[in-house]
Amino acid sequence: MVNLSYKVSSVVNNSILEIIIDGNMSGSNKYKITNAGDGLMLYGEIEGKIKRTCLYVGGLPPGQYCFQIEEFSKEQFSVFGIL
């Protein structure tokens, strides 16, 4: 991984977090989602040379979270309750 940056949707719609990747991602890359207290909520791997992907985060309660690939910067997003 070289020059990897990414953005996530700031607000989750329909339980789907959209991730847009800018840079050279290939192989298997670990990601994690943490809550506001830095507690681990979800984790997994993103594989291959991709530029855009989505993750289902419907199991997360309403709140503020951070998404991070490997040790790159954290991106914040929010999950709201069902109206």
Protein backbone atom coordinates (compact mmCIF):
# COMPACT_ATOMS: atom_id res chain seq x y z
CA MET A 1 0.00 0.00 0.00
CA VAL A 2 1.43 3.32 -1.07
CA ASN A 3 -0.29 6.72 -1.12
CA LEU A 4 -3.56 5.32 0.15
CA SER A 5 -6.32 7.68 1.15
CA TYR A 6 -10.05 7.19 1.39
CA LYS A 7 -13.30 8.88 2.30
CA VAL A 8 -16.44 7.40 3.80
CA SER A 9 -20.02 8.63 3.70
CA SER A 10 -20.43 10.95 6.68
CA VAL A 11 -23.95 9.67 7.39
CA VAL A 12 -24.94 6.04 6.90
CA ASN A 13 -28.01 5.57 4.70
CA ASN A 14 -29.96 2.29 4.67
CA SER A 15 -27.32 0.62 6.89
CA ILE A 16 -24.66 0.94 4.14
CA LEU A 17 -21.32 2.71 4.64
CA GLU A 18 -19.83 3.79 1.31
CA ILE A 19 -16.02 3.88 1.02
CA ILE A 20 -14.23 5.67 -1.83
CA ILE A 21 -10.54 4.80 -2.16
CA ASP A 22 -7.99 7.10 -3.77
CA GLY A 23 -4.55 5.59 -4.14
CA ASN A 24 -2.88 2.25 -4.65
CA MET A 25 -4.69 -0.41 -2.69
CA SER A 26 -4.05 -4.03 -3.57
CA GLY A 27 -3.94 -7.37 -1.83
CA SER A 28 -5.63 -7.83 1.51
CA ASN A 29 -6.07 -4.76 3.73
CA LYS A 30 -7.50 -4.88 7.24
CA TYR A 31 -10.12 -2.37 8.31
CA LYS A 32 -11.75 -1.58 11.62
CA ILE A 33 -14.68 0.44 12.84
CA THR A 34 -14.44 1.92 16.32
CA ASN A 35 -16.89 3.85 18.48
CA ALA A 36 -16.35 7.27 20.04
CA GLY A 37 -14.46 5.66 22.96
CA ASP A 38 -12.11 3.87 20.51
CA GLY A 39 -13.77 0.53 21.27
CA LEU A 40 -13.65 -2.00 18.42
CA MET A 41 -17.12 -2.51 16.88
CA LEU A 42 -16.42 -4.24 13.53
CA TYR A 43 -13.37 -5.44 11.65
CA GLY A 44 -12.53 -7.33 8.48
CA GLU A 45 -10.54 -7.25 5.27
CA ILE A 46 -10.95 -5.50 1.95
CA GLU A 47 -9.36 -7.45 -0.89
CA GLY A 48 -8.10 -6.51 -4.34
CA LYS A 49 -7.57 -3.39 -6.38
CA ILE A 50 -10.75 -1.46 -5.73
CA LYS A 51 -11.78 2.19 -5.89
CA ARG A 52 -15.22 1.97 -4.25
CA THR A 53 -16.90 -0.48 -1.92
CA CYS A 54 -19.71 -0.64 0.63
CA LEU A 55 -20.00 -2.24 4.05
CA TYR A 56 -23.19 -3.27 5.83
CA VAL A 57 -23.20 -1.61 9.26
CA GLY A 58 -26.85 -2.22 10.19
CA GLY A 59 -25.87 -3.90 13.45
CA LEU A 60 -24.33 -0.73 14.88
CA PRO A 61 -26.43 1.26 17.35
CA PRO A 62 -26.94 4.99 16.65
CA GLY A 63 -23.80 7.02 17.32
CA GLN A 64 -20.48 8.37 16.04
CA TYR A 65 -17.90 5.96 14.61
CA CYS A 66 -14.51 5.92 12.89
CA PHE A 67 -13.46 3.79 9.93
CA GLN A 68 -9.78 2.98 9.38
CA ILE A 69 -7.82 0.87 6.87
CA GLU A 70 -4.58 -0.53 8.34
CA GLU A 71 -2.85 2.38 10.13
CA PHE A 72 -4.00 5.13 7.76
CA SER A 73 -6.09 8.08 8.94
CA LYS A 74 -9.48 7.60 10.55
CA GLU A 75 -12.64 8.81 8.84
CA GLN A 76 -15.68 9.66 10.98
CA PHE A 77 -19.27 8.74 10.19
CA SER A 78 -22.64 8.74 11.97
CA VAL A 79 -25.37 6.16 12.34
CA PHE A 80 -28.83 7.44 13.21
CA GLY A 81 -31.76 5.50 14.60
CA ILE A 82 -34.74 4.57 12.47
CA LEU A 83 -37.20 7.43 12.29
